[in-house]
N, C-alpha and C. Protein backbone atom coordinates (compact mmCIF):
# COMPACT_ATOMS: atom_id res chain seq x y z
N UNK A 1 0.84 -1.20 0.00
CA UNK A 1 0.00 0.00 0.00
C UNK A 1 0.87 1.24 0.00
N UNK A 2 0.50 2.19 -0.84
CA UNK A 2 1.26 3.44 -0.90
C UNK A 2 0.84 4.40 0.22
N UNK A 3 1.85 5.06 0.78
CA UNK A 3 1.55 6.07 1.80
C UNK A 3 1.19 7.36 1.08
N UNK A 4 0.05 7.95 1.43
CA UNK A 4 -0.29 9.21 0.76
C UNK A 4 0.75 10.30 1.08
N UNK A 5 1.15 11.02 0.07
CA UNK A 5 2.13 12.09 0.24
C UNK A 5 1.35 13.36 0.57
N UNK A 6 1.75 14.09 1.62
CA UNK A 6 1.02 15.33 1.90
C UNK A 6 1.13 16.28 0.71
N UNK A 7 0.00 16.82 0.29
CA UNK A 7 -0.02 17.76 -0.83
C UNK A 7 0.68 19.04 -0.43
N UNK A 8 1.65 19.40 -1.22
CA UNK A 8 2.29 20.68 -0.96
C UNK A 8 2.04 21.55 -2.17
N UNK A 9 1.77 22.81 -1.96
CA UNK A 9 1.51 23.71 -3.08
C UNK A 9 2.16 25.04 -2.76
N UNK A 10 2.20 25.90 -3.74
CA UNK A 10 2.86 27.18 -3.53
C UNK A 10 1.87 28.29 -3.29
N UNK A 11 2.24 29.19 -2.39
CA UNK A 11 1.46 30.41 -2.19
C UNK A 11 2.41 31.58 -2.40
N UNK A 12 1.83 32.73 -2.65
CA UNK A 12 2.65 33.90 -3.00
C UNK A 12 2.41 35.01 -1.98
N UNK A 13 3.49 35.42 -1.37
CA UNK A 13 3.40 36.48 -0.36
C UNK A 13 3.89 37.78 -0.97
N UNK A 14 3.11 38.83 -0.78
CA UNK A 14 3.55 40.15 -1.23
C UNK A 14 4.20 40.81 -0.02
N UNK A 15 5.51 40.94 -0.10
CA UNK A 15 6.27 41.52 0.99
C UNK A 15 6.42 43.02 0.73
N UNK A 16 6.15 43.82 1.75
CA UNK A 16 6.18 45.27 1.54
C UNK A 16 7.31 45.96 2.29
N UNK A 17 8.03 45.22 3.12
CA UNK A 17 9.14 45.85 3.82
C UNK A 17 9.99 44.85 4.57
N UNK A 18 11.20 45.28 4.90
CA UNK A 18 12.11 44.46 5.70
C UNK A 18 12.93 45.42 6.58
N UNK A 19 12.97 45.13 7.86
CA UNK A 19 13.62 46.04 8.81
C UNK A 19 14.53 45.29 9.77
N UNK A 20 15.53 46.00 10.25
CA UNK A 20 16.47 45.37 11.17
C UNK A 20 15.93 45.36 12.61
N UNK A 21 14.95 46.19 12.90
CA UNK A 21 14.38 46.18 14.25
C UNK A 21 12.88 45.89 14.21
N UNK A 22 12.43 45.20 15.23
CA UNK A 22 11.02 44.85 15.34
C UNK A 22 10.17 46.11 15.46
N UNK A 23 10.70 47.09 16.18
CA UNK A 23 9.98 48.34 16.38
C UNK A 23 9.63 49.02 15.06
N UNK A 24 10.63 49.16 14.18
CA UNK A 24 10.42 49.79 12.86
C UNK A 24 9.44 48.97 12.04
N UNK A 25 9.60 47.65 12.08
CA UNK A 25 8.72 46.77 11.31
C UNK A 25 7.28 46.92 11.77
N UNK A 26 7.08 46.95 13.08
CA UNK A 26 5.72 47.08 13.63
C UNK A 26 5.11 48.43 13.28
N UNK A 27 5.92 49.47 13.34
CA UNK A 27 5.48 50.81 13.02
C UNK A 27 5.01 50.87 11.55
N UNK A 28 5.84 50.31 10.67
CA UNK A 28 5.52 50.29 9.24
C UNK A 28 4.25 49.45 9.00
N UNK A 29 4.15 48.32 9.68
CA UNK A 29 2.98 47.44 9.53
C UNK A 29 1.71 48.19 9.95
N UNK A 30 1.81 48.91 11.04
CA UNK A 30 0.68 49.68 11.56
C UNK A 30 0.21 50.73 10.56
N UNK A 31 1.16 51.50 10.02
CA UNK A 31 0.84 52.53 9.03
C UNK A 31 0.24 51.88 7.77
N UNK A 32 0.84 50.78 7.36
CA UNK A 32 0.39 50.09 6.15
C UNK A 32 -1.03 49.57 6.31
N UNK A 33 -1.35 49.07 7.50
CA UNK A 33 -2.71 48.59 7.77
C UNK A 33 -3.72 49.70 7.52
N UNK A 34 -3.39 50.89 7.99
CA UNK A 34 -4.30 52.02 7.81
C UNK A 34 -4.39 52.44 6.35
N UNK A 35 -3.25 52.49 5.68
CA UNK A 35 -3.21 52.90 4.28
C UNK A 35 -3.93 51.89 3.38
N UNK A 36 -3.66 50.61 3.60
CA UNK A 36 -4.14 49.57 2.68
C UNK A 36 -5.42 48.88 3.13
N UNK A 37 -5.82 49.10 4.37
CA UNK A 37 -6.94 48.37 4.97
C UNK A 37 -6.86 46.86 4.67
N UNK A 38 -5.67 46.34 4.96
CA UNK A 38 -5.41 44.90 4.80
C UNK A 38 -4.80 44.40 6.09
N UNK A 39 -4.85 43.09 6.29
CA UNK A 39 -4.15 42.51 7.43
C UNK A 39 -2.67 42.44 7.05
N UNK A 40 -1.81 42.84 7.96
CA UNK A 40 -0.37 42.87 7.69
C UNK A 40 0.34 42.06 8.77
N UNK A 41 1.26 41.20 8.37
CA UNK A 41 2.00 40.39 9.33
C UNK A 41 3.46 40.85 9.40
N UNK A 42 4.04 40.66 10.58
CA UNK A 42 5.47 40.93 10.77
C UNK A 42 6.08 39.61 11.22
N UNK A 43 7.15 39.20 10.56
CA UNK A 43 7.80 37.94 10.89
C UNK A 43 9.30 38.10 10.86
N UNK A 44 9.99 37.39 11.74
CA UNK A 44 11.45 37.45 11.70
C UNK A 44 11.95 36.42 10.71
N UNK A 45 12.77 36.87 9.76
CA UNK A 45 13.35 35.97 8.78
C UNK A 45 14.80 35.70 9.19
N UNK A 46 15.05 34.48 9.65
CA UNK A 46 16.39 34.14 10.16
C UNK A 46 17.47 34.18 9.10
N UNK A 47 17.11 33.75 7.88
CA UNK A 47 18.11 33.74 6.81
C UNK A 47 18.58 35.15 6.48
N UNK A 48 17.64 36.08 6.47
CA UNK A 48 17.99 37.46 6.13
C UNK A 48 18.33 38.29 7.36
N UNK A 49 18.00 37.73 8.55
CA UNK A 49 18.23 38.43 9.79
C UNK A 49 17.48 39.77 9.82
N UNK A 50 16.26 39.75 9.29
CA UNK A 50 15.45 40.96 9.21
C UNK A 50 14.01 40.64 9.59
N UNK A 51 13.30 41.66 10.02
CA UNK A 51 11.87 41.54 10.28
C UNK A 51 11.16 41.90 8.99
N UNK A 52 10.44 40.95 8.43
CA UNK A 52 9.77 41.21 7.16
C UNK A 52 8.29 41.51 7.40
N UNK A 53 7.77 42.40 6.58
CA UNK A 53 6.39 42.85 6.70
C UNK A 53 5.67 42.43 5.42
N UNK A 54 4.57 41.69 5.57
CA UNK A 54 3.87 41.19 4.39
C UNK A 54 2.36 41.22 4.53
N UNK A 55 1.72 41.21 3.37
CA UNK A 55 0.26 41.24 3.28
C UNK A 55 -0.29 39.85 3.60
N UNK A 56 -1.30 39.81 4.46
CA UNK A 56 -1.92 38.54 4.84
C UNK A 56 -3.39 38.58 4.39
N UNK A 57 -3.95 37.51 3.91
CA UNK A 57 -3.33 36.21 3.70
C UNK A 57 -2.50 36.16 2.41
N UNK A 58 -1.67 35.13 2.27
CA UNK A 58 -0.91 34.98 1.03
C UNK A 58 -1.87 34.78 -0.15
N UNK A 59 -1.37 35.07 -1.34
CA UNK A 59 -2.18 34.88 -2.55
C UNK A 59 -2.02 33.45 -3.02
N UNK A 60 -3.12 32.88 -3.54
CA UNK A 60 -3.10 31.49 -3.97
C UNK A 60 -2.48 31.31 -5.35
N UNK A 61 -2.45 32.38 -6.14
CA UNK A 61 -1.83 32.25 -7.46
C UNK A 61 -0.98 33.47 -7.75
N UNK A 62 -0.01 33.26 -8.61
CA UNK A 62 0.99 34.29 -8.88
C UNK A 62 0.39 35.52 -9.56
N UNK A 63 -0.58 35.32 -10.43
CA UNK A 63 -1.16 36.44 -11.16
C UNK A 63 -1.83 37.42 -10.19
N UNK A 64 -2.59 36.90 -9.23
CA UNK A 64 -3.24 37.77 -8.23
C UNK A 64 -2.19 38.55 -7.45
N UNK A 65 -1.12 37.86 -7.07
CA UNK A 65 -0.05 38.51 -6.30
C UNK A 65 0.60 39.61 -7.14
N UNK A 66 0.86 39.31 -8.40
CA UNK A 66 1.49 40.31 -9.28
C UNK A 66 0.58 41.50 -9.52
N UNK A 67 -0.71 41.25 -9.71
CA UNK A 67 -1.66 42.34 -9.91
C UNK A 67 -1.70 43.23 -8.68
N UNK A 68 -1.72 42.60 -7.52
CA UNK A 68 -1.76 43.37 -6.29
C UNK A 68 -0.48 44.20 -6.12
N UNK A 69 0.65 43.58 -6.41
CA UNK A 69 1.92 44.29 -6.30
C UNK A 69 1.96 45.48 -7.26
N UNK A 70 1.43 45.32 -8.45
CA UNK A 70 1.38 46.40 -9.43
C UNK A 70 0.56 47.57 -8.89
N UNK A 71 -0.60 47.25 -8.27
CA UNK A 71 -1.44 48.27 -7.66
C UNK A 71 -0.67 49.00 -6.56
N UNK A 72 -0.01 48.21 -5.71
CA UNK A 72 0.76 48.77 -4.60
C UNK A 72 1.85 49.71 -5.10
N UNK A 73 2.47 49.33 -6.21
CA UNK A 73 3.59 50.09 -6.76
C UNK A 73 3.23 51.52 -7.16
N UNK A 74 1.94 51.77 -7.33
CA UNK A 74 1.50 53.12 -7.69
C UNK A 74 1.64 54.06 -6.49
N UNK A 75 1.76 53.48 -5.31
CA UNK A 75 1.95 54.24 -4.09
C UNK A 75 3.45 54.26 -3.78
N UNK A 76 4.02 55.45 -3.75
CA UNK A 76 5.46 55.63 -3.54
C UNK A 76 5.99 54.79 -2.36
N UNK A 77 5.18 54.73 -1.32
CA UNK A 77 5.57 54.03 -0.10
C UNK A 77 5.79 52.53 -0.31
N UNK A 78 5.09 51.98 -1.30
CA UNK A 78 5.15 50.52 -1.51
C UNK A 78 5.76 50.14 -2.85
N UNK A 79 6.48 51.05 -3.47
CA UNK A 79 6.99 50.77 -4.82
C UNK A 79 8.03 49.65 -4.84
N UNK A 80 8.61 49.33 -3.68
CA UNK A 80 9.61 48.27 -3.62
C UNK A 80 9.03 46.92 -3.19
N UNK A 81 7.71 46.82 -3.17
CA UNK A 81 7.08 45.56 -2.78
C UNK A 81 7.56 44.45 -3.71
N UNK A 82 7.72 43.26 -3.18
CA UNK A 82 8.13 42.15 -4.04
C UNK A 82 7.39 40.89 -3.62
N UNK A 83 7.44 39.89 -4.48
CA UNK A 83 6.70 38.66 -4.27
C UNK A 83 7.65 37.54 -3.83
N UNK A 84 7.24 36.84 -2.80
CA UNK A 84 8.02 35.69 -2.31
C UNK A 84 7.14 34.47 -2.49
N UNK A 85 7.69 33.43 -3.10
CA UNK A 85 6.94 32.19 -3.30
C UNK A 85 7.31 31.23 -2.17
N UNK A 86 6.34 30.71 -1.48
CA UNK A 86 6.65 29.73 -0.45
C UNK A 86 5.83 28.47 -0.64
N UNK A 87 6.42 27.36 -0.27
CA UNK A 87 5.70 26.08 -0.33
C UNK A 87 4.85 26.01 0.93
N UNK A 88 3.62 25.66 0.75
CA UNK A 88 2.70 25.60 1.87
C UNK A 88 2.07 24.22 1.89
N UNK A 89 1.81 23.71 3.06
CA UNK A 89 1.16 22.39 3.14
C UNK A 89 -0.31 22.61 3.45
N UNK A 90 -1.14 21.98 2.65
CA UNK A 90 -2.59 22.18 2.83
C UNK A 90 -3.06 21.39 4.06
């Protein structure tokens, strides 16, 4: 009998900032919440050694993420937003 393999799929996170201190990241997240009326998460990224700020929830497909990032880019504050692809387990 074959063991079922857990389905893994990709989700797309639109990251809007990265900061060296939690304080700055939280401040930016707070302002962004008001500007964008979206849920914003702050997470410590060990590989980059930075606090990253991203839009929650992640996007299920790349096109939606790219469209959203394009919209964000019209706002000077978010012109450096970028997309991170992560493997997620359903």
